[in-house]
Amino acid sequence: MTNTNAPKGTAALEIRDLHAWYGESHILHGVNLTVNHGEVVTLLGRNGAGRTTTLRAIMGLTGTRKGSIQVNGHETIGLPTHKIAHYGIGYCPEERAIFSSLSCEENLLLPPQLKVVGGDASRTGMTEAEIYEMFPNLAERRQSQGTRLSGGEQQMLAVGRILRTGANLLLLDEISEGLAPVIVQALARMILMLKKKGYTVVMVEQNFRFAAPLADRFYVMEHGTIVERFAADELQAKMPVLNELLGV
């Protein structure tokens, strides 16, 4: 499943010399990264390295941005957030943003399906049934209030809500944080399933053991810039560097 009519060879996401600010604070200093269609790419780094800001900058959720962010070959650096979403990007923030007054099912059905710019008009988001098949816990809790769901169920709901919109480039921020190992395993299976279906995933992860078996490529951030990049088959050779940079 590649939900794009972009020219052959065009990356799903291409970031060049990206700078971003929160007010007067200059957070990103010339970030460069490429994500190809159907890849799982993980951003590693210590807290404060700029990983979450990179995801937020892609969505236009920081202050000033300079540089280039291309989605399927379309420049989005000058667009507001609601227009960026229409390029098929779904952002799952660390805080999950579940509506407490709505049931699990109402939360899931809340976002509209997107007409993806440059996308396949026949392609739509996952159906409610497909999402419940992927996350049986949500099917069992469909009438439960949002705040009565466990942390893991809320995380599943946050991801499921994005999948329903038709987004095919998923930005996932610390989805495994604070969750029981059995839930983390379920999220790992979900990412592998999404990859098999052709989705493109960019993950920010502190949990290296969770991210390592899932990613095709890794970028390491420090002080708002990329300091290392390597493919999954180079991971073992890069462990001394990762130990030094991340303490893994």
C-alpha atoms as a PDB file:
ATOM      1  CA  MET A   1       0.000   0.000   0.000  1.00  0.00           C
ATOM      2  CA  THR A   2       1.633   3.243  -1.082  1.00  0.00           C
ATOM      3  CA  ASN A   3      -0.924   5.982  -0.877  1.00  0.00           C
ATOM      4  CA  THR A   4       0.847   8.459  -3.129  1.00  0.00           C
ATOM      5  CA  ASN A   5       1.217   9.438  -6.737  1.00  0.00           C
ATOM      6  CA  ALA A   6       4.620  11.021  -6.088  1.00  0.00           C
ATOM      7  CA  PRO A   7       7.290  10.583  -8.776  1.00  0.00           C
ATOM      8  CA  LYS A   8       9.192   7.296  -8.573  1.00  0.00           C
ATOM      9  CA  GLY A   9      12.174   7.568  -6.253  1.00  0.00           C
ATOM     10  CA  THR A  10      10.678  10.441  -4.236  1.00  0.00           C
ATOM     11  CA  ALA A  11      11.158  10.024  -0.479  1.00  0.00           C
ATOM     12  CA  ALA A  12       8.135   9.905   1.822  1.00  0.00           C
ATOM     13  CA  LEU A  13       9.848  12.582   3.951  1.00  0.00           C
ATOM     14  CA  GLU A  14      12.896  14.685   3.087  1.00  0.00           C
ATOM     15  CA  ILE A  15      14.184  17.225   5.629  1.00  0.00           C
ATOM     16  CA  ARG A  16      17.010  19.590   4.702  1.00  0.00           C
ATOM     17  CA  ASP A  17      18.759  22.142   6.950  1.00  0.00           C
ATOM     18  CA  LEU A  18      15.777  22.394   9.298  1.00  0.00           C
ATOM     19  CA  HIS A  19      15.981  25.045  12.016  1.00  0.00           C
ATOM     20  CA  ALA A  20      13.194  25.534  14.555  1.00  0.00           C
ATOM     21  CA  TRP A  21      12.545  27.874  17.449  1.00  0.00           C
ATOM     22  CA  TYR A  22      10.236  28.068  20.455  1.00  0.00           C
ATOM     23  CA  GLY A  23      10.035  31.817  20.971  1.00  0.00           C
ATOM     24  CA  GLU A  24      13.648  33.018  21.243  1.00  0.00           C
ATOM     25  CA  SER A  25      14.997  29.517  21.903  1.00  0.00           C
ATOM     26  CA  HIS A  26      16.750  28.022  18.863  1.00  0.00           C
ATOM     27  CA  ILE A  27      16.133  24.247  19.264  1.00  0.00           C
ATOM     28  CA  LEU A  28      16.895  22.592  15.904  1.00  0.00           C
ATOM     29  CA  HIS A  29      20.168  23.483  14.184  1.00  0.00           C
ATOM     30  CA  GLY A  30      20.201  22.239  10.599  1.00  0.00           C
ATOM     31  CA  VAL A  31      18.532  18.808  10.818  1.00  0.00           C
ATOM     32  CA  ASN A  32      18.871  16.611   7.708  1.00  0.00           C
ATOM     33  CA  LEU A  33      17.083  13.298   7.356  1.00  0.00           C
ATOM     34  CA  THR A  34      15.388  11.139   4.734  1.00  0.00           C
ATOM     35  CA  VAL A  35      12.612   8.576   5.220  1.00  0.00           C
ATOM     36  CA  ASN A  36      11.730   6.299   2.314  1.00  0.00           C
ATOM     37  CA  HIS A  37       8.294   4.841   1.627  1.00  0.00           C
ATOM     38  CA  GLY A  38       7.490   1.838   3.795  1.00  0.00           C
ATOM     39  CA  GLU A  39      10.423   2.389   6.167  1.00  0.00           C
ATOM     40  CA  VAL A  40      10.465   2.447   9.948  1.00  0.00           C
ATOM     41  CA  VAL A  41      12.981   5.097  11.045  1.00  0.00           C
ATOM     42  CA  THR A  42      13.841   5.751  14.684  1.00  0.00           C
ATOM     43  CA  LEU A  43      15.190   8.994  16.164  1.00  0.00           C
ATOM     44  CA  LEU A  44      17.436   8.227  19.129  1.00  0.00           C
ATOM     45  CA  GLY A  45      18.915  10.677  21.601  1.00  0.00           C
ATOM     46  CA  ARG A  46      18.911  11.833  25.193  1.00  0.00           C
ATOM     47  CA  ASN A  47      16.088  13.970  26.588  1.00  0.00           C
ATOM     48  CA  GLY A  48      16.364  17.491  25.209  1.00  0.00           C
ATOM     49  CA  ALA A  49      18.248  16.416  22.082  1.00  0.00           C
ATOM     50  CA  GLY A  50      15.505  17.779  19.789  1.00  0.00           C
ATOM     51  CA  ARG A  51      13.731  14.570  18.739  1.00  0.00           C
ATOM     52  CA  THR A  52      10.205  15.575  19.752  1.00  0.00           C
ATOM     53  CA  THR A  53      10.786  19.081  18.387  1.00  0.00           C
ATOM     54  CA  THR A  54      11.681  17.498  15.025  1.00  0.00           C
ATOM     55  CA  LEU A  55       8.305  15.707  14.914  1.00  0.00           C
ATOM     56  CA  ARG A  56       6.496  18.854  16.012  1.00  0.00           C
ATOM     57  CA  ALA A  57       8.350  20.931  13.401  1.00  0.00           C
ATOM     58  CA  ILE A  58       7.261  18.494  10.659  1.00  0.00           C
ATOM     59  CA  MET A  59       3.661  19.167  11.740  1.00  0.00           C
ATOM     60  CA  GLY A  60       4.155  22.948  12.023  1.00  0.00           C
ATOM     61  CA  LEU A  61       3.678  22.905  15.797  1.00  0.00           C
ATOM     62  CA  THR A  62       6.820  24.865  16.721  1.00  0.00           C
ATOM     63  CA  GLY A  63       7.397  28.584  16.382  1.00  0.00           C
ATOM     64  CA  THR A  64       9.533  29.796  13.484  1.00  0.00           C
ATOM     65  CA  ARG A  65      10.789  27.102  11.064  1.00  0.00           C
ATOM     66  CA  LYS A  66      13.409  27.532   8.362  1.00  0.00           C
ATOM     67  CA  GLY A  67      14.791  25.055   5.848  1.00  0.00           C
ATOM     68  CA  SER A  68      12.922  22.465   3.796  1.00  0.00           C
ATOM     69  CA  ILE A  69      10.413  19.736   4.724  1.00  0.00           C
ATOM     70  CA  GLN A  70       9.164  17.797   1.704  1.00  0.00           C
ATOM     71  CA  VAL A  71       6.418  15.171   1.968  1.00  0.00           C
ATOM     72  CA  ASN A  72       6.175  13.000  -1.149  1.00  0.00           C
ATOM     73  CA  GLY A  73       8.027  15.747  -2.996  1.00  0.00           C
ATOM     74  CA  HIS A  74       5.690  18.558  -1.809  1.00  0.00           C
ATOM     75  CA  GLU A  75       7.244  21.420   0.166  1.00  0.00           C
ATOM     76  CA  THR A  76       5.334  21.934   3.443  1.00  0.00           C
ATOM     77  CA  ILE A  77       7.612  24.258   5.457  1.00  0.00           C
ATOM     78  CA  GLY A  78       5.332  27.266   4.868  1.00  0.00           C
ATOM     79  CA  LEU A  79       2.009  25.516   5.516  1.00  0.00           C
ATOM     80  CA  PRO A  80      -0.179  25.616   8.642  1.00  0.00           C
ATOM     81  CA  THR A  81      -0.698  22.393  10.609  1.00  0.00           C
ATOM     82  CA  HIS A  82      -4.180  21.582   9.282  1.00  0.00           C
ATOM     83  CA  LYS A  83      -2.907  21.709   5.690  1.00  0.00           C
ATOM     84  CA  ILE A  84       0.179  19.628   6.515  1.00  0.00           C
ATOM     85  CA  ALA A  85      -2.111  16.867   7.836  1.00  0.00           C
ATOM     86  CA  HIS A  86      -3.707  16.642   4.389  1.00  0.00           C
ATOM     87  CA  TYR A  87      -0.417  15.363   2.999  1.00  0.00           C
ATOM     88  CA  GLY A  88      -1.148  12.102   4.818  1.00  0.00           C
ATOM     89  CA  ILE A  89       0.766  12.716   8.048  1.00  0.00           C
ATOM     90  CA  GLY A  90      -0.552  11.462  11.384  1.00  0.00           C
ATOM     91  CA  TYR A  91       1.100  12.642  14.623  1.00  0.00           C
ATOM     92  CA  CYS A  92       0.746  10.712  17.866  1.00  0.00           C
ATOM     93  CA  PRO A  93       2.115  12.954  20.664  1.00  0.00           C
ATOM     94  CA  GLU A  94       3.577  11.595  23.878  1.00  0.00           C
ATOM     95  CA  GLU A  95       0.583  12.893  25.887  1.00  0.00           C
ATOM     96  CA  ARG A  96      -1.871  10.928  23.633  1.00  0.00           C
ATOM     97  CA  ALA A  97      -4.617  13.606  23.847  1.00  0.00           C
ATOM     98  CA  ILE A  98      -7.540  11.265  24.565  1.00  0.00           C
ATOM     99  CA  PHE A  99     -10.859  13.085  25.193  1.00  0.00           C
ATOM    100  CA  SER A 100     -11.862  12.053  28.712  1.00  0.00           C
ATOM    101  CA  SER A 101     -15.580  12.805  28.317  1.00  0.00           C
ATOM    102  CA  LEU A 102     -15.923  10.574  25.238  1.00  0.00           C
ATOM    103  CA  SER A 103     -16.060   6.795  25.057  1.00  0.00           C
ATOM    104  CA  CYS A 104     -13.309   4.771  23.418  1.00  0.00           C
ATOM    105  CA  GLU A 105     -15.437   4.382  20.283  1.00  0.00           C
ATOM    106  CA  GLU A 106     -16.386   8.086  20.181  1.00  0.00           C
ATOM    107  CA  ASN A 107     -12.687   9.005  20.442  1.00  0.00           C
ATOM    108  CA  LEU A 108     -11.900   6.628  17.601  1.00  0.00           C
ATOM    109  CA  LEU A 109     -14.611   8.000  15.310  1.00  0.00           C
ATOM    110  CA  LEU A 110     -13.950  11.664  16.067  1.00  0.00           C
ATOM    111  CA  PRO A 111     -11.307  12.587  13.429  1.00  0.00           C
ATOM    112  CA  PRO A 112     -12.547  12.950   9.841  1.00  0.00           C
ATOM    113  CA  GLN A 113     -11.070  10.871   7.040  1.00  0.00           C
ATOM    114  CA  LEU A 114      -8.530  12.897   5.064  1.00  0.00           C
ATOM    115  CA  LYS A 115      -8.423  13.424   1.335  1.00  0.00           C
ATOM    116  CA  VAL A 116      -4.661  13.020   0.997  1.00  0.00           C
ATOM    117  CA  VAL A 117      -3.034  15.568  -1.327  1.00  0.00           C
ATOM    118  CA  GLY A 118      -1.545  13.662  -4.260  1.00  0.00           C
ATOM    119  CA  GLY A 119      -2.893  10.406  -2.847  1.00  0.00           C
ATOM    120  CA  ASP A 120      -4.818   7.547  -4.363  1.00  0.00           C
ATOM    121  CA  ALA A 121      -8.458   8.681  -4.372  1.00  0.00           C
ATOM    122  CA  SER A 122      -9.629   5.078  -3.921  1.00  0.00           C
ATOM    123  CA  ARG A 123      -7.558   4.609  -0.772  1.00  0.00           C
ATOM    124  CA  THR A 124      -9.197   5.395   2.579  1.00  0.00           C
ATOM    125  CA  GLY A 125      -8.202   5.002   6.196  1.00  0.00           C
ATOM    126  CA  MET A 126      -8.585   1.805   8.167  1.00  0.00           C
ATOM    127  CA  THR A 127     -12.133   0.863   9.034  1.00  0.00           C
ATOM    128  CA  GLU A 128     -13.319   0.653  12.622  1.00  0.00           C
ATOM    129  CA  ALA A 129     -13.445  -3.147  12.235  1.00  0.00           C
ATOM    130  CA  GLU A 130      -9.818  -3.282  11.001  1.00  0.00           C
ATOM    131  CA  ILE A 131      -8.662  -1.192  13.959  1.00  0.00           C
ATOM    132  CA  TYR A 132     -10.537  -3.403  16.425  1.00  0.00           C
ATOM    133  CA  GLU A 133      -8.984  -6.455  14.780  1.00  0.00           C
ATOM    134  CA  MET A 134      -5.536  -4.925  15.281  1.00  0.00           C
ATOM    135  CA  PHE A 135      -6.350  -3.879  18.883  1.00  0.00           C
ATOM    136  CA  PRO A 136      -8.792  -6.410  20.440  1.00  0.00           C
ATOM    137  CA  ASN A 137      -8.500  -4.565  23.792  1.00  0.00           C
ATOM    138  CA  LEU A 138     -10.222  -1.541  22.230  1.00  0.00           C
ATOM    139  CA  ALA A 139     -13.074  -3.673  20.909  1.00  0.00           C
ATOM    140  CA  GLU A 140     -13.704  -4.939  24.446  1.00  0.00           C
ATOM    141  CA  ARG A 141     -13.543  -1.418  25.897  1.00  0.00           C
ATOM    142  CA  ARG A 142     -15.372   0.430  23.109  1.00  0.00           C
ATOM    143  CA  GLN A 143     -18.031   1.854  25.475  1.00  0.00           C
ATOM    144  CA  SER A 144     -15.596   2.729  28.278  1.00  0.00           C
ATOM    145  CA  GLN A 145     -14.865   6.374  29.014  1.00  0.00           C
ATOM    146  CA  GLY A 146     -11.511   7.588  27.667  1.00  0.00           C
ATOM    147  CA  THR A 147      -9.961   8.142  31.111  1.00  0.00           C
ATOM    148  CA  ARG A 148     -10.995   4.663  32.282  1.00  0.00           C
ATOM    149  CA  LEU A 149      -8.738   3.041  29.713  1.00  0.00           C
ATOM    150  CA  SER A 150      -5.323   1.849  30.857  1.00  0.00           C
ATOM    151  CA  GLY A 151      -2.228   3.695  29.629  1.00  0.00           C
ATOM    152  CA  GLY A 152      -1.648   0.973  27.047  1.00  0.00           C
ATOM    153  CA  GLU A 153      -5.246   1.094  25.830  1.00  0.00           C
ATOM    154  CA  GLN A 154      -5.053   4.880  25.541  1.00  0.00           C
ATOM    155  CA  GLN A 155      -1.893   4.494  23.443  1.00  0.00           C
ATOM    156  CA  MET A 156      -3.614   1.968  21.159  1.00  0.00           C
ATOM    157  CA  LEU A 157      -6.562   4.333  20.822  1.00  0.00           C
ATOM    158  CA  ALA A 158      -4.292   7.279  19.946  1.00  0.00           C
ATOM    159  CA  VAL A 159      -2.650   5.257  17.162  1.00  0.00           C
ATOM    160  CA  GLY A 160      -5.947   3.755  15.979  1.00  0.00           C
ATOM    161  CA  ARG A 161      -7.476   7.220  15.688  1.00  0.00           C
ATOM    162  CA  ILE A 162      -4.679   8.259  13.285  1.00  0.00           C
ATOM    163  CA  LEU A 163      -5.021   5.104  11.190  1.00  0.00           C
ATOM    164  CA  ARG A 164      -8.706   5.819  10.664  1.00  0.00           C
ATOM    165  CA  THR A 165      -7.964   9.198   9.036  1.00  0.00           C
ATOM    166  CA  GLY A 166      -6.094   7.685   6.067  1.00  0.00           C
ATOM    167  CA  ALA A 167      -2.676   9.016   7.122  1.00  0.00           C
ATOM    168  CA  ASN A 168       0.138   6.885   5.715  1.00  0.00           C
ATOM    169  CA  LEU A 169       3.153   8.629   7.291  1.00  0.00           C
ATOM    170  CA  LEU A 170       2.973   8.132  11.062  1.00  0.00           C
ATOM    171  CA  LEU A 171       4.981  10.197  13.572  1.00  0.00           C
ATOM    172  CA  LEU A 172       4.998   8.310  16.886  1.00  0.00           C
ATOM    173  CA  ASP A 173       6.448   9.989  19.981  1.00  0.00           C
ATOM    174  CA  GLU A 174       7.531   7.654  22.826  1.00  0.00           C
ATOM    175  CA  ILE A 175       4.625   5.249  22.354  1.00  0.00           C
ATOM    176  CA  SER A 176       6.158   2.597  24.633  1.00  0.00           C
ATOM    177  CA  GLU A 177       6.900   4.905  27.565  1.00  0.00           C
ATOM    178  CA  GLY A 178       5.667   3.704  30.956  1.00  0.00           C
ATOM    179  CA  LEU A 179       3.754   0.722  29.576  1.00  0.00           C
ATOM    180  CA  ALA A 180       3.738  -2.902  30.742  1.00  0.00           C
ATOM    181  CA  PRO A 181       5.970  -5.279  28.736  1.00  0.00           C
ATOM    182  CA  VAL A 182       2.973  -7.186  27.339  1.00  0.00           C
ATOM    183  CA  ILE A 183       1.541  -3.923  25.922  1.00  0.00           C
ATOM    184  CA  VAL A 184       4.925  -2.903  24.532  1.00  0.00           C
ATOM    185  CA  GLN A 185       5.048  -6.258  22.719  1.00  0.00           C
ATOM    186  CA  ALA A 186       1.578  -5.606  21.277  1.00  0.00           C
ATOM    187  CA  LEU A 187       2.737  -2.192  20.008  1.00  0.00           C
ATOM    188  CA  ALA A 188       5.802  -3.804  18.416  1.00  0.00           C
ATOM    189  CA  ARG A 189       3.539  -6.276  16.582  1.00  0.00           C
ATOM    190  CA  MET A 190       1.395  -3.332  15.457  1.00  0.00           C
ATOM    191  CA  ILE A 191       4.385  -1.512  13.947  1.00  0.00           C
ATOM    192  CA  LEU A 192       5.509  -4.644  12.091  1.00  0.00           C
ATOM    193  CA  MET A 193       1.955  -5.109  10.799  1.00  0.00           C
ATOM    194  CA  LEU A 194       1.784  -1.483   9.624  1.00  0.00           C
ATOM    195  CA  LYS A 195       5.136  -1.855   7.894  1.00  0.00           C
ATOM    196  CA  LYS A 196       3.844  -4.965   6.113  1.00  0.00           C
ATOM    197  CA  LYS A 197       0.842  -2.930   4.914  1.00  0.00           C
ATOM    198  CA  GLY A 198       3.201  -0.290   3.464  1.00  0.00           C
ATOM    199  CA  TYR A 199       2.900   2.471   6.057  1.00  0.00           C
ATOM    200  CA  THR A 200       5.883   4.731   6.730  1.00  0.00           C
ATOM    201  CA  VAL A 201       6.763   5.257  10.405  1.00  0.00           C
ATOM    202  CA  VAL A 202       9.046   7.748  12.172  1.00  0.00           C
ATOM    203  CA  MET A 203       9.467   6.924  15.862  1.00  0.00           C
ATOM    204  CA  VAL A 204      11.010   8.874  18.710  1.00  0.00           C
ATOM    205  CA  GLU A 205      11.984   6.274  21.318  1.00  0.00           C
ATOM    206  CA  GLN A 206      13.841   6.237  24.622  1.00  0.00           C
ATOM    207  CA  ASN A 207      13.276   2.465  24.904  1.00  0.00           C
ATOM    208  CA  PHE A 208      16.152   1.210  22.773  1.00  0.00           C
ATOM    209  CA  ARG A 209      15.233  -2.466  23.209  1.00  0.00           C
ATOM    210  CA  PHE A 210      11.772  -1.749  21.814  1.00  0.00           C
ATOM    211  CA  ALA A 211      13.034   0.285  18.852  1.00  0.00           C
ATOM    212  CA  ALA A 212      16.095  -1.762  17.834  1.00  0.00           C
ATOM    213  CA  PRO A 213      14.333  -4.787  16.245  1.00  0.00           C
ATOM    214  CA  LEU A 214      11.706  -2.637  14.482  1.00  0.00           C
ATOM    215  CA  ALA A 215      13.662   0.064  12.659  1.00  0.00           C
ATOM    216  CA  ASP A 216      15.201  -0.110   9.189  1.00  0.00           C
ATOM    217  CA  ARG A 217      17.387   2.904   9.918  1.00  0.00           C
ATOM    218  CA  PHE A 218      18.410   5.024  12.881  1.00  0.00           C
ATOM    219  CA  TYR A 219      19.265   8.697  13.333  1.00  0.00           C
ATOM    220  CA  VAL A 220      20.932   9.885  16.545  1.00  0.00           C
ATOM    221  CA  MET A 221      20.328  13.468  17.681  1.00  0.00           C
ATOM    222  CA  GLU A 222      22.362  15.649  20.015  1.00  0.00           C
ATOM    223  CA  HIS A 223      21.922  19.389  20.691  1.00  0.00           C
ATOM    224  CA  GLY A 224      19.345  19.808  17.927  1.00  0.00           C
ATOM    225  CA  THR A 225      21.278  18.192  15.097  1.00  0.00           C
ATOM    226  CA  ILE A 226      21.880  14.721  13.630  1.00  0.00           C
ATOM    227  CA  VAL A 227      25.221  13.316  14.807  1.00  0.00           C
ATOM    228  CA  GLU A 228      24.947   9.688  13.606  1.00  0.00           C
ATOM    229  CA  ARG A 229      22.935   7.799  10.982  1.00  0.00           C
ATOM    230  CA  PHE A 230      23.092   4.088  10.206  1.00  0.00           C
ATOM    231  CA  ALA A 231      21.068   1.141   8.893  1.00  0.00           C
ATOM    232  CA  ALA A 232      19.758  -1.770  10.969  1.00  0.00           C
ATOM    233  CA  ASP A 233      22.490  -4.095   9.697  1.00  0.00           C
ATOM    234  CA  GLU A 234      25.111  -1.699  11.108  1.00  0.00           C
ATOM    235  CA  LEU A 235      23.557  -1.645  14.582  1.00  0.00           C
ATOM    236  CA  GLN A 236      25.953  -4.094  16.214  1.00  0.00           C
ATOM    237  CA  ALA A 237      29.004  -2.229  14.931  1.00  0.00           C
ATOM    238  CA  LYS A 238      27.545   1.073  16.168  1.00  0.00           C
ATOM    239  CA  MET A 239      26.871  -0.104  19.739  1.00  0.00           C
ATOM    240  CA  PRO A 240      30.069   1.438  21.195  1.00  0.00           C
ATOM    241  CA  VAL A 241      29.070   4.823  19.723  1.00  0.00           C
ATOM    242  CA  LEU A 242      25.488   4.441  21.012  1.00  0.00           C
ATOM    243  CA  ASN A 243      26.795   3.558  24.469  1.00  0.00           C
ATOM    244  CA  GLU A 244      28.809   6.745  24.463  1.00  0.00           C
ATOM    245  CA  LEU A 245      25.987   8.961  23.103  1.00  0.00           C
ATOM    246  CA  LEU A 246      22.991   7.382  24.817  1.00  0.00           C
ATOM    247  CA  GLY A 247      24.272   5.181  27.599  1.00  0.00           C
ATOM    248  CA  VAL A 248      22.334   2.170  26.205  1.00  0.00           C
END
